[in-house]
């Protein structure tokens, strides 16, 4: 009877070990997914920053052209 109980106990240990390995693999997979999402987020943040700088530069150029046009228009009128 003890052999039977010992065999059952070992089987339960094997099953528990498999479950633990499966859970560890799931955790590793989640960590990889989180890391890749963070990398994507960081890349997108950098792209957004570059785009904002580009828009700011273009707005400054447009403002400069507006001022230049106003000055030239003022000189032509007077």
PDB file of N, CA and C in Angstrom:
ATOM      1  N   UNK A   1       0.813  -1.192   0.000  1.00  0.00           N
ATOM      2  CA  UNK A   1       0.000   0.000   0.000  1.00  0.00           C
ATOM      3  C   UNK A   1       0.862   1.263   0.000  1.00  0.00           C
ATOM      4  N   UNK A   2       1.980   1.204   0.707  1.00  0.00           N
ATOM      5  CA  UNK A   2       2.852   2.370   0.735  1.00  0.00           C
ATOM      6  C   UNK A   2       3.458   2.630  -0.639  1.00  0.00           C
ATOM      7  N   UNK A   3       3.750   1.552  -1.370  1.00  0.00           N
ATOM      8  CA  UNK A   3       4.308   1.720  -2.719  1.00  0.00           C
ATOM      9  C   UNK A   3       3.301   2.428  -3.615  1.00  0.00           C
ATOM     10  N   UNK A   4       2.057   2.041  -3.483  1.00  0.00           N
ATOM     11  CA  UNK A   4       0.995   2.650  -4.279  1.00  0.00           C
ATOM     12  C   UNK A   4       0.866   4.138  -3.939  1.00  0.00           C
ATOM     13  N   UNK A   5       0.901   4.449  -2.658  1.00  0.00           N
ATOM     14  CA  UNK A   5       0.821   5.847  -2.232  1.00  0.00           C
ATOM     15  C   UNK A   5       2.047   6.628  -2.687  1.00  0.00           C
ATOM     16  N   UNK A   6       3.214   5.974  -2.622  1.00  0.00           N
ATOM     17  CA  UNK A   6       4.448   6.621  -3.064  1.00  0.00           C
ATOM     18  C   UNK A   6       4.398   6.903  -4.562  1.00  0.00           C
ATOM     19  N   UNK A   7       3.872   5.956  -5.331  1.00  0.00           N
ATOM     20  CA  UNK A   7       3.744   6.143  -6.774  1.00  0.00           C
ATOM     21  C   UNK A   7       2.780   7.288  -7.078  1.00  0.00           C
ATOM     22  N   UNK A   8       1.665   7.336  -6.360  1.00  0.00           N
ATOM     23  CA  UNK A   8       0.704   8.427  -6.554  1.00  0.00           C
ATOM     24  C   UNK A   8       1.327   9.772  -6.201  1.00  0.00           C
ATOM     25  N   UNK A   9       2.101   9.768  -5.130  1.00  0.00           N
ATOM     26  CA  UNK A   9       2.759  11.003  -4.701  1.00  0.00           C
ATOM     27  C   UNK A   9       3.746  11.475  -5.766  1.00  0.00           C
ATOM     28  N   UNK A  10       4.508  10.536  -6.332  1.00  0.00           N
ATOM     29  CA  UNK A  10       5.469  10.904  -7.382  1.00  0.00           C
ATOM     30  C   UNK A  10       4.743  11.412  -8.625  1.00  0.00           C
ATOM     31  N   UNK A  11       3.636  10.773  -8.962  1.00  0.00           N
ATOM     32  CA  UNK A  11       2.846  11.234 -10.108  1.00  0.00           C
ATOM     33  C   UNK A  11       2.334  12.651  -9.867  1.00  0.00           C
ATOM     34  N   UNK A  12       1.861  12.902  -8.662  1.00  0.00           N
ATOM     35  CA  UNK A  12       1.386  14.246  -8.331  1.00  0.00           C
ATOM     36  C   UNK A  12       2.522  15.263  -8.401  1.00  0.00           C
ATOM     37  N   UNK A  13       3.713  14.858  -7.973  1.00  0.00           N
ATOM     38  CA  UNK A  13       4.870  15.749  -8.053  1.00  0.00           C
ATOM     39  C   UNK A  13       5.214  16.064  -9.506  1.00  0.00           C
ATOM     40  N   UNK A  14       5.146  15.048 -10.362  1.00  0.00           N
ATOM     41  CA  UNK A  14       5.434  15.249 -11.786  1.00  0.00           C
ATOM     42  C   UNK A  14       4.411  16.196 -12.399  1.00  0.00           C
ATOM     43  N   UNK A  15       3.149  15.978 -12.078  1.00  0.00           N
ATOM     44  CA  UNK A  15       2.083  16.843 -12.596  1.00  0.00           C
ATOM     45  C   UNK A  15       2.277  18.272 -12.093  1.00  0.00           C
ATOM     46  N   UNK A  16       2.599  18.413 -10.813  1.00  0.00           N
ATOM     47  CA  UNK A  16       2.815  19.748 -10.246  1.00  0.00           C
ATOM     48  C   UNK A  16       4.018  20.422 -10.898  1.00  0.00           C
ATOM     49  N   UNK A  17       5.079  19.656 -11.146  1.00  0.00           N
ATOM     50  CA  UNK A  17       6.269  20.220 -11.790  1.00  0.00           C
ATOM     51  C   UNK A  17       5.940  20.690 -13.208  1.00  0.00           C
ATOM     52  N   UNK A  18       5.129  19.914 -13.927  1.00  0.00           N
ATOM     53  CA  UNK A  18       4.725  20.316 -15.278  1.00  0.00           C
ATOM     54  C   UNK A  18       3.911  21.606 -15.238  1.00  0.00           C
ATOM     55  N   UNK A  19       3.013  21.699 -14.260  1.00  0.00           N
ATOM     56  CA  UNK A  19       2.202  22.916 -14.127  1.00  0.00           C
ATOM     57  C   UNK A  19       3.079  24.125 -13.822  1.00  0.00           C
ATOM     58  N   UNK A  20       4.068  23.925 -12.955  1.00  0.00           N
ATOM     59  CA  UNK A  20       4.979  25.020 -12.612  1.00  0.00           C
ATOM     60  C   UNK A  20       5.756  25.457 -13.847  1.00  0.00           C
ATOM     61  N   UNK A  21       6.265  24.486 -14.623  1.00  0.00           N
ATOM     62  CA  UNK A  21       7.002  24.833 -15.848  1.00  0.00           C
ATOM     63  C   UNK A  21       6.112  25.582 -16.835  1.00  0.00           C
ATOM     64  N   UNK A  22       4.868  25.127 -16.956  1.00  0.00           N
ATOM     65  CA  UNK A  22       3.931  25.796 -17.853  1.00  0.00           C
ATOM     66  C   UNK A  22       3.676  27.234 -17.397  1.00  0.00           C
ATOM     67  N   UNK A  23       3.503  27.427 -16.099  1.00  0.00           N
ATOM     68  CA  UNK A  23       3.282  28.778 -15.577  1.00  0.00           C
ATOM     69  C   UNK A  23       4.521  29.653 -15.791  1.00  0.00           C
ATOM     70  N   UNK A  24       5.709  29.075 -15.617  1.00  0.00           N
ATOM     71  CA  UNK A  24       6.941  29.835 -15.851  1.00  0.00           C
ATOM     72  C   UNK A  24       7.044  30.247 -17.314  1.00  0.00           C
ATOM     73  N   UNK A  25       6.657  29.334 -18.219  1.00  0.00           N
ATOM     74  CA  UNK A  25       6.691  29.673 -19.643  1.00  0.00           C
ATOM     75  C   UNK A  25       5.705  30.796 -19.944  1.00  0.00           C
ATOM     76  N   UNK A  26       4.536  30.764 -19.316  1.00  0.00           N
ATOM     77  CA  UNK A  26       3.545  31.832 -19.519  1.00  0.00           C
ATOM     78  C   UNK A  26       4.080  33.166 -19.020  1.00  0.00           C
ATOM     79  N   UNK A  27       4.731  33.143 -17.860  1.00  0.00           N
ATOM     80  CA  UNK A  27       5.304  34.374 -17.314  1.00  0.00           C
ATOM     81  C   UNK A  27       6.394  34.902 -18.241  1.00  0.00           C
ATOM     82  N   UNK A  28       7.241  33.998 -18.745  1.00  0.00           N
ATOM     83  CA  UNK A  28       8.290  34.419 -19.676  1.00  0.00           C
ATOM     84  C   UNK A  28       7.687  35.025 -20.935  1.00  0.00           C
ATOM     85  N   UNK A  29       6.626  34.407 -21.437  1.00  0.00           N
ATOM     86  CA  UNK A  29       5.959  34.929 -22.627  1.00  0.00           C
ATOM     87  C   UNK A  29       5.391  36.316 -22.360  1.00  0.00           C
ATOM     88  N   UNK A  30       4.760  36.500 -21.205  1.00  0.00           N
ATOM     89  CA  UNK A  30       4.211  37.818 -20.848  1.00  0.00           C
ATOM     90  C   UNK A  30       5.329  38.852 -20.752  1.00  0.00           C
ATOM     91  N   UNK A  31       6.457  38.468 -20.166  1.00  0.00           N
ATOM     92  CA  UNK A  31       7.585  39.392 -20.050  1.00  0.00           C
ATOM     93  C   UNK A  31       8.095  39.808 -21.425  1.00  0.00           C
ATOM     94  N   UNK A  32       8.163  38.852 -22.346  1.00  0.00           N
ATOM     95  CA  UNK A  32       8.604  39.167 -23.707  1.00  0.00           C
ATOM     96  C   UNK A  32       7.611  40.108 -24.371  1.00  0.00           C
ATOM     97  N   UNK A  33       6.319  39.838 -24.200  1.00  0.00           N
ATOM     98  CA  UNK A  33       5.301  40.703 -24.795  1.00  0.00           C
ATOM     99  C   UNK A  33       5.374  42.107 -24.218  1.00  0.00           C
ATOM    100  N   UNK A  34       5.537  42.209 -22.908  1.00  0.00           N
ATOM    101  CA  UNK A  34       5.625  43.524 -22.271  1.00  0.00           C
ATOM    102  C   UNK A  34       6.841  44.274 -22.781  1.00  0.00           C
ATOM    103  N   UNK A  35       7.968  43.579 -22.891  1.00  0.00           N
ATOM    104  CA  UNK A  35       9.192  44.217 -23.377  1.00  0.00           C
ATOM    105  C   UNK A  35       9.012  44.708 -24.805  1.00  0.00           C
ATOM    106  N   UNK A  36       8.381  43.890 -25.656  1.00  0.00           N
ATOM    107  CA  UNK A  36       8.197  44.318 -27.044  1.00  0.00           C
ATOM    108  C   UNK A  36       7.219  45.486 -27.126  1.00  0.00           C
ATOM    109  N   UNK A  37       6.171  45.478 -26.313  1.00  0.00           N
ATOM    110  CA  UNK A  37       5.236  46.602 -26.306  1.00  0.00           C
ATOM    111  C   UNK A  37       5.923  47.874 -25.826  1.00  0.00           C
ATOM    112  N   UNK A  38       6.801  47.752 -24.835  1.00  0.00           N
ATOM    113  CA  UNK A  38       7.536  48.917 -24.346  1.00  0.00           C
ATOM    114  C   UNK A  38       8.453  49.460 -25.431  1.00  0.00           C
ATOM    115  N   UNK A  39       9.088  48.558 -26.185  1.00  0.00           N
ATOM    116  CA  UNK A  39       9.964  48.997 -27.271  1.00  0.00           C
ATOM    117  C   UNK A  39       9.161  49.722 -28.344  1.00  0.00           C
ATOM    118  N   UNK A  40       7.990  49.187 -28.676  1.00  0.00           N
ATOM    119  CA  UNK A  40       7.129  49.842 -29.666  1.00  0.00           C
ATOM    120  C   UNK A  40       6.697  51.209 -29.162  1.00  0.00           C
ATOM    121  N   UNK A  41       6.296  51.280 -27.892  1.00  0.00           N
ATOM    122  CA  UNK A  41       5.862  52.547 -27.304  1.00  0.00           C
ATOM    123  C   UNK A  41       6.994  53.572 -27.334  1.00  0.00           C
ATOM    124  N   UNK A  42       8.209  53.137 -26.986  1.00  0.00           N
ATOM    125  CA  UNK A  42       9.346  54.051 -26.988  1.00  0.00           C
ATOM    126  C   UNK A  42       9.651  54.547 -28.398  1.00  0.00           C
ATOM    127  N   UNK A  43       9.557  53.649 -29.376  1.00  0.00           N
ATOM    128  CA  UNK A  43       9.794  54.035 -30.768  1.00  0.00           C
ATOM    129  C   UNK A  43       8.738  55.029 -31.226  1.00  0.00           C
ATOM    130  N   UNK A  44       7.481  54.768 -30.891  1.00  0.00           N
ATOM    131  CA  UNK A  44       6.412  55.680 -31.284  1.00  0.00           C
ATOM    132  C   UNK A  44       6.576  57.035 -30.603  1.00  0.00           C
ATOM    133  N   UNK A  45       7.005  57.026 -29.356  1.00  0.00           N
ATOM    134  CA  UNK A  45       7.216  58.290 -28.643  1.00  0.00           C
ATOM    135  C   UNK A  45       8.315  59.103 -29.317  1.00  0.00           C
ATOM    136  N   UNK A  46       9.375  58.434 -29.748  1.00  0.00           N
ATOM    137  CA  UNK A  46      10.459  59.131 -30.445  1.00  0.00           C
ATOM    138  C   UNK A  46       9.965  59.685 -31.778  1.00  0.00           C
ATOM    139  N   UNK A  47       9.162  58.905 -32.496  1.00  0.00           N
ATOM    140  CA  UNK A  47       8.619  59.376 -33.774  1.00  0.00           C
ATOM    141  C   UNK A  47       7.703  60.581 -33.569  1.00  0.00           C
ATOM    142  N   UNK A  48       6.889  60.538 -32.530  1.00  0.00           N
ATOM    143  CA  UNK A  48       5.985  61.659 -32.244  1.00  0.00           C
ATOM    144  C   UNK A  48       6.788  62.906 -31.908  1.00  0.00           C
ATOM    145  N   UNK A  49       7.864  62.731 -31.153  1.00  0.00           N
ATOM    146  CA  UNK A  49       8.713  63.869 -30.798  1.00  0.00           C
ATOM    147  C   UNK A  49       9.320  64.500 -32.053  1.00  0.00           C
ATOM    148  N   UNK A  50       9.820  63.652 -32.958  1.00  0.00           N
ATOM    149  CA  UNK A  50      10.398  64.151 -34.213  1.00  0.00           C
ATOM    150  C   UNK A  50       9.339  64.891 -35.027  1.00  0.00           C
ATOM    151  N   UNK A  51       8.138  64.326 -35.084  1.00  0.00           N
ATOM    152  CA  UNK A  51       7.064  64.949 -35.851  1.00  0.00           C
ATOM    153  C   UNK A  51       6.693  66.303 -35.258  1.00  0.00           C
ATOM    154  N   UNK A  52       6.625  66.388 -33.925  1.00  0.00           N
ATOM    155  CA  UNK A  52       6.301  67.664 -33.278  1.00  0.00           C
ATOM    156  C   UNK A  52       7.360  68.713 -33.589  1.00  0.00           C
ATOM    157  N   UNK A  53       8.636  68.308 -33.572  1.00  0.00           N
ATOM    158  CA  UNK A  53       9.712  69.249 -33.913  1.00  0.00           C
ATOM    159  C   UNK A  53       9.567  69.735 -35.353  1.00  0.00           C
ATOM    160  N   UNK A  54       9.256  68.803 -36.249  1.00  0.00           N
ATOM    161  CA  UNK A  54       9.099  69.162 -37.654  1.00  0.00           C
ATOM    162  C   UNK A  54       7.943  70.137 -37.833  1.00  0.00           C
ATOM    163  N   UNK A  55       6.827  69.873 -37.168  1.00  0.00           N
ATOM    164  CA  UNK A  55       5.673  70.767 -37.249  1.00  0.00           C
ATOM    165  C   UNK A  55       6.026  72.136 -36.688  1.00  0.00           C
ATOM    166  N   UNK A  56       6.749  72.166 -35.577  1.00  0.00           N
ATOM    167  CA  UNK A  56       7.155  73.435 -34.969  1.00  0.00           C
ATOM    168  C   UNK A  56       8.035  74.230 -35.934  1.00  0.00           C
ATOM    169  N   UNK A  57       8.992  73.552 -36.574  1.00  0.00           N
ATOM    170  CA  UNK A  57       9.879  74.235 -37.530  1.00  0.00           C
ATOM    171  C   UNK A  57       9.076  74.794 -38.699  1.00  0.00           C
ATOM    172  N   UNK A  58       8.145  74.015 -39.199  1.00  0.00           N
ATOM    173  CA  UNK A  58       7.327  74.482 -40.324  1.00  0.00           C
ATOM    174  C   UNK A  58       6.466  75.668 -39.903  1.00  0.00           C
ATOM    175  N   UNK A  59       5.917  75.628 -38.697  1.00  0.00           N
ATOM    176  CA  UNK A  59       5.118  76.759 -38.214  1.00  0.00           C
ATOM    177  C   UNK A  59       5.962  78.016 -38.096  1.00  0.00           C
ATOM    178  N   UNK A  60       7.203  77.878 -37.653  1.00  0.00           N
ATOM    179  CA  UNK A  60       8.108  79.032 -37.560  1.00  0.00           C
ATOM    180  C   UNK A  60       8.402  79.569 -38.953  1.00  0.00           C
ATOM    181  N   UNK A  61       8.619  78.682 -39.914  1.00  0.00           N
ATOM    182  CA  UNK A  61       8.875  79.119 -41.287  1.00  0.00           C
ATOM    183  C   UNK A  61       7.666  79.868 -41.845  1.00  0.00           C
ATOM    184  N   UNK A  62       6.482  79.336 -41.596  1.00  0.00           N
ATOM    185  CA  UNK A  62       5.265  79.993 -42.087  1.00  0.00           C
ATOM    186  C   UNK A  62       5.101  81.356 -41.426  1.00  0.00           C
ATOM    187  N   UNK A  63       5.343  81.425 -40.120  1.00  0.00           N
ATOM    188  CA  UNK A  63       5.241  82.714 -39.423  1.00  0.00           C
ATOM    189  C   UNK A  63       6.248  83.708 -39.998  1.00  0.00           C
ATOM    190  N   UNK A  64       7.447  83.241 -40.301  1.00  0.00           N
ATOM    191  CA  UNK A  64       8.460  84.108 -40.910  1.00  0.00           C
ATOM    192  C   UNK A  64       8.009  84.622 -42.261  1.00  0.00           C
ATOM    193  N   UNK A  65       7.404  83.761 -43.056  1.00  0.00           N
ATOM    194  CA  UNK A  65       6.915  84.189 -44.369  1.00  0.00           C
ATOM    195  C   UNK A  65       5.775  85.195 -44.232  1.00  0.00           C
ATOM    196  N   UNK A  66       4.921  84.997 -43.254  1.00  0.00           N
ATOM    197  CA  UNK A  66       3.816  85.933 -43.024  1.00  0.00           C
ATOM    198  C   UNK A  66       4.368  87.299 -42.636  1.00  0.00           C
ATOM    199  N   UNK A  67       5.347  87.313 -41.741  1.00  0.00           N
ATOM    200  CA  UNK A  67       5.954  88.584 -41.321  1.00  0.00           C
ATOM    201  C   UNK A  67       6.644  89.247 -42.503  1.00  0.00           C
ATOM    202  N   UNK A  68       7.374  88.470 -43.284  1.00  0.00           N
ATOM    203  CA  UNK A  68       8.066  89.016 -44.459  1.00  0.00           C
ATOM    204  C   UNK A  68       7.061  89.587 -45.458  1.00  0.00           C
ATOM    205  N   UNK A  69       5.968  88.862 -45.682  1.00  0.00           N
ATOM    206  CA  UNK A  69       4.933  89.355 -46.595  1.00  0.00           C
ATOM    207  C   UNK A  69       4.312  90.644 -46.069  1.00  0.00           C
ATOM    208  N   UNK A  70       4.084  90.709 -44.764  1.00  0.00           N
ATOM    209  CA  UNK A  70       3.502  91.918 -44.173  1.00  0.00           C
ATOM    210  C   UNK A  70       4.447  93.100 -44.328  1.00  0.00           C
ATOM    211  N   UNK A  71       5.735  92.868 -44.097  1.00  0.00           N
ATOM    212  CA  UNK A  71       6.719  93.955 -44.225  1.00  0.00           C
ATOM    213  C   UNK A  71       6.795  94.422 -45.667  1.00  0.00           C
ATOM    214  N   UNK A  72       6.868  93.480 -46.606  1.00  0.00           N
ATOM    215  CA  UNK A  72       6.954  93.861 -48.019  1.00  0.00           C
ATOM    216  C   UNK A  72       5.669  94.557 -48.470  1.00  0.00           C
ATOM    217  N   UNK A  73       4.519  94.051 -48.017  1.00  0.00           N
ATOM    218  CA  UNK A  73       3.243  94.700 -48.350  1.00  0.00           C
ATOM    219  C   UNK A  73       3.176  96.105 -47.777  1.00  0.00           C
ATOM    220  N   UNK A  74       3.670  96.296 -46.578  1.00  0.00           N
ATOM    221  CA  UNK A  74       3.675  97.617 -45.943  1.00  0.00           C
ATOM    222  C   UNK A  74       4.563  98.571 -46.731  1.00  0.00           C
ATOM    223  N   UNK A  75       5.735  98.071 -47.189  1.00  0.00           N
ATOM    224  CA  UNK A  75       6.654  98.924 -47.949  1.00  0.00           C
ATOM    225  C   UNK A  75       6.054  99.295 -49.300  1.00  0.00           C
ATOM    226  N   UNK A  76       5.309  98.380 -49.909  1.00  0.00           N
ATOM    227  CA  UNK A  76       4.702  98.686 -51.202  1.00  0.00           C
ATOM    228  C   UNK A  76       3.582  99.715 -51.063  1.00  0.00           C
ATOM    229  N   UNK A  77       2.847  99.643 -49.959  1.00  0.00           N
ATOM    230  CA  UNK A  77       1.740 100.567 -49.754  1.00  0.00           C
ATOM    231  C   UNK A  77       2.260 101.961 -49.445  1.00  0.00           C
ATOM    232  N   UNK A  78       3.318 102.033 -48.619  1.00  0.00           N
ATOM    233  CA  UNK A  78       3.800 103.358 -48.216  1.00  0.00           C
ATOM    234  C   UNK A  78       5.027 103.700 -48.940  1.00  0.00           C
TER     235      UNK A  78
END
